[in-house]
């Protein structure tokens, strides 16, 4: 039974590390695009222009990056559950 616990712990830790490494890049790029979008909104408001809210390439990229980060954070949560199960199973 101890081997099952060790396998769950190692698998959970590996899954958390892999998920974190996959989430870090898309999340950083998403935050950067979000900041640029907010900056453009502030500039257009300052300039007095009306901002076109149609779908842009940046908004599509933000959706894709957010989804990639969500999937990777799901891996981290699944790894946490595996580690928790490793401690729960006796």
C-alpha atoms as a PDB file:
ATOM      1  CA  UNK A   1       0.000   0.000   0.000  1.00  0.00           C
ATOM      2  CA  UNK A   2       2.897   2.356   0.641  1.00  0.00           C
ATOM      3  CA  UNK A   3       3.941   2.035  -2.999  1.00  0.00           C
ATOM      4  CA  UNK A   4       0.560   3.287  -4.137  1.00  0.00           C
ATOM      5  CA  UNK A   5       0.954   6.346  -1.900  1.00  0.00           C
ATOM      6  CA  UNK A   6       4.427   7.066  -3.245  1.00  0.00           C
ATOM      7  CA  UNK A   7       3.254   6.668  -6.843  1.00  0.00           C
ATOM      8  CA  UNK A   8       0.339   9.043  -6.228  1.00  0.00           C
ATOM      9  CA  UNK A   9       2.637  11.608  -4.560  1.00  0.00           C
ATOM     10  CA  UNK A  10       5.221  11.487  -7.316  1.00  0.00           C
ATOM     11  CA  UNK A  11       2.594  11.520 -10.051  1.00  0.00           C
ATOM     12  CA  UNK A  12       0.823  14.444  -8.413  1.00  0.00           C
ATOM     13  CA  UNK A  13       4.018  16.442  -7.954  1.00  0.00           C
ATOM     14  CA  UNK A  14       5.056  15.755 -11.541  1.00  0.00           C
ATOM     15  CA  UNK A  15       1.619  16.776 -12.837  1.00  0.00           C
ATOM     16  CA  UNK A  16       1.674  19.984 -10.794  1.00  0.00           C
ATOM     17  CA  UNK A  17       5.145  20.887 -12.070  1.00  0.00           C
ATOM     18  CA  UNK A  18       4.217  20.123 -15.670  1.00  0.00           C
ATOM     19  CA  UNK A  19       0.959  22.073 -15.441  1.00  0.00           C
ATOM     20  CA  UNK A  20       2.703  25.062 -13.874  1.00  0.00           C
ATOM     21  CA  UNK A  21       5.378  25.101 -16.558  1.00  0.00           C
ATOM     22  CA  UNK A  22       2.688  24.959 -19.269  1.00  0.00           C
ATOM     23  CA  UNK A  23       0.585  27.708 -17.653  1.00  0.00           C
ATOM     24  CA  UNK A  24       3.358  30.203 -17.026  1.00  0.00           C
ATOM     25  CA  UNK A  25       3.997  31.216 -20.655  1.00  0.00           C
ATOM     26  CA  UNK A  26       0.410  31.644 -21.917  1.00  0.00           C
ATOM     27  CA  UNK A  27      -0.628  33.424 -18.714  1.00  0.00           C
ATOM     28  CA  UNK A  28       2.207  35.954 -19.022  1.00  0.00           C
ATOM     29  CA  UNK A  29       1.392  36.618 -22.694  1.00  0.00           C
ATOM     30  CA  UNK A  30      -2.314  36.944 -21.841  1.00  0.00           C
ATOM     31  CA  UNK A  31      -1.556  39.510 -19.132  1.00  0.00           C
ATOM     32  CA  UNK A  32       0.639  41.469 -21.542  1.00  0.00           C
ATOM     33  CA  UNK A  33      -2.083  41.547 -24.217  1.00  0.00           C
ATOM     34  CA  UNK A  34      -4.641  42.548 -21.605  1.00  0.00           C
ATOM     35  CA  UNK A  35      -2.451  45.476 -20.515  1.00  0.00           C
ATOM     36  CA  UNK A  36      -2.004  46.607 -24.124  1.00  0.00           C
ATOM     37  CA  UNK A  37      -5.758  46.417 -24.703  1.00  0.00           C
ATOM     38  CA  UNK A  38      -6.443  48.490 -21.582  1.00  0.00           C
ATOM     39  CA  UNK A  39      -3.816  51.007 -22.677  1.00  0.00           C
ATOM     40  CA  UNK A  40      -5.441  51.328 -26.102  1.00  0.00           C
ATOM     41  CA  UNK A  41      -8.834  51.816 -24.436  1.00  0.00           C
ATOM     42  CA  UNK A  42      -7.456  54.581 -22.219  1.00  0.00           C
ATOM     43  CA  UNK A  43      -5.808  56.257 -25.192  1.00  0.00           C
ATOM     44  CA  UNK A  44      -8.996  56.196 -27.257  1.00  0.00           C
ATOM     45  CA  UNK A  45     -11.003  57.540 -24.310  1.00  0.00           C
ATOM     46  CA  UNK A  46      -8.481  60.344 -23.847  1.00  0.00           C
ATOM     47  CA  UNK A  47      -8.512  61.110 -27.559  1.00  0.00           C
ATOM     48  CA  UNK A  48     -12.283  61.186 -27.568  1.00  0.00           C
ATOM     49  CA  UNK A  49     -12.669  58.560 -30.258  1.00  0.00           C
ATOM     50  CA  UNK A  50     -15.098  55.704 -30.279  1.00  0.00           C
ATOM     51  CA  UNK A  51     -13.413  52.357 -29.921  1.00  0.00           C
ATOM     52  CA  UNK A  52     -14.463  49.628 -32.289  1.00  0.00           C
ATOM     53  CA  UNK A  53     -15.367  46.629 -30.096  1.00  0.00           C
ATOM     54  CA  UNK A  54     -15.407  44.090 -32.907  1.00  0.00           C
ATOM     55  CA  UNK A  55     -13.364  40.904 -32.743  1.00  0.00           C
ATOM     56  CA  UNK A  56      -9.691  41.510 -33.359  1.00  0.00           C
ATOM     57  CA  UNK A  57      -6.718  39.222 -33.681  1.00  0.00           C
ATOM     58  CA  UNK A  58      -5.566  40.270 -30.217  1.00  0.00           C
ATOM     59  CA  UNK A  59      -8.915  39.380 -28.645  1.00  0.00           C
ATOM     60  CA  UNK A  60      -8.847  35.953 -30.301  1.00  0.00           C
ATOM     61  CA  UNK A  61      -5.280  35.440 -29.098  1.00  0.00           C
ATOM     62  CA  UNK A  62      -6.339  36.422 -25.578  1.00  0.00           C
ATOM     63  CA  UNK A  63      -9.127  33.819 -25.665  1.00  0.00           C
ATOM     64  CA  UNK A  64      -6.729  31.112 -26.848  1.00  0.00           C
ATOM     65  CA  UNK A  65      -4.080  32.007 -24.263  1.00  0.00           C
ATOM     66  CA  UNK A  66      -6.652  32.126 -21.461  1.00  0.00           C
ATOM     67  CA  UNK A  67      -7.938  28.675 -22.451  1.00  0.00           C
ATOM     68  CA  UNK A  68      -4.409  27.244 -22.559  1.00  0.00           C
ATOM     69  CA  UNK A  69      -3.716  28.645 -19.101  1.00  0.00           C
ATOM     70  CA  UNK A  70      -7.011  27.235 -17.769  1.00  0.00           C
ATOM     71  CA  UNK A  71      -6.180  23.760 -19.043  1.00  0.00           C
ATOM     72  CA  UNK A  72      -2.703  23.935 -17.503  1.00  0.00           C
ATOM     73  CA  UNK A  73      -4.082  25.175 -14.162  1.00  0.00           C
ATOM     74  CA  UNK A  74      -6.509  22.250 -14.310  1.00  0.00           C
ATOM     75  CA  UNK A  75      -3.476  19.960 -14.506  1.00  0.00           C
ATOM     76  CA  UNK A  76      -2.083  21.621 -11.382  1.00  0.00           C
ATOM     77  CA  UNK A  77      -5.360  21.036  -9.551  1.00  0.00           C
ATOM     78  CA  UNK A  78      -5.458  17.401 -10.696  1.00  0.00           C
ATOM     79  CA  UNK A  79      -1.900  16.962  -9.404  1.00  0.00           C
ATOM     80  CA  UNK A  80      -2.908  18.445  -6.069  1.00  0.00           C
ATOM     81  CA  UNK A  81      -5.812  15.983  -5.897  1.00  0.00           C
ATOM     82  CA  UNK A  82      -3.425  13.077  -6.580  1.00  0.00           C
ATOM     83  CA  UNK A  83      -1.105  14.194  -3.772  1.00  0.00           C
ATOM     84  CA  UNK A  84      -4.108  14.581  -1.452  1.00  0.00           C
ATOM     85  CA  UNK A  85      -5.326  11.085  -2.368  1.00  0.00           C
ATOM     86  CA  UNK A  86      -1.829   9.769  -1.664  1.00  0.00           C
ATOM     87  CA  UNK A  87      -2.142  11.028   1.897  1.00  0.00           C
ATOM     88  CA  UNK A  88      -5.781   9.967   2.224  1.00  0.00           C
ATOM     89  CA  UNK A  89      -5.320   6.318   1.185  1.00  0.00           C
ATOM     90  CA  UNK A  90      -3.922   4.102   3.923  1.00  0.00           C
END
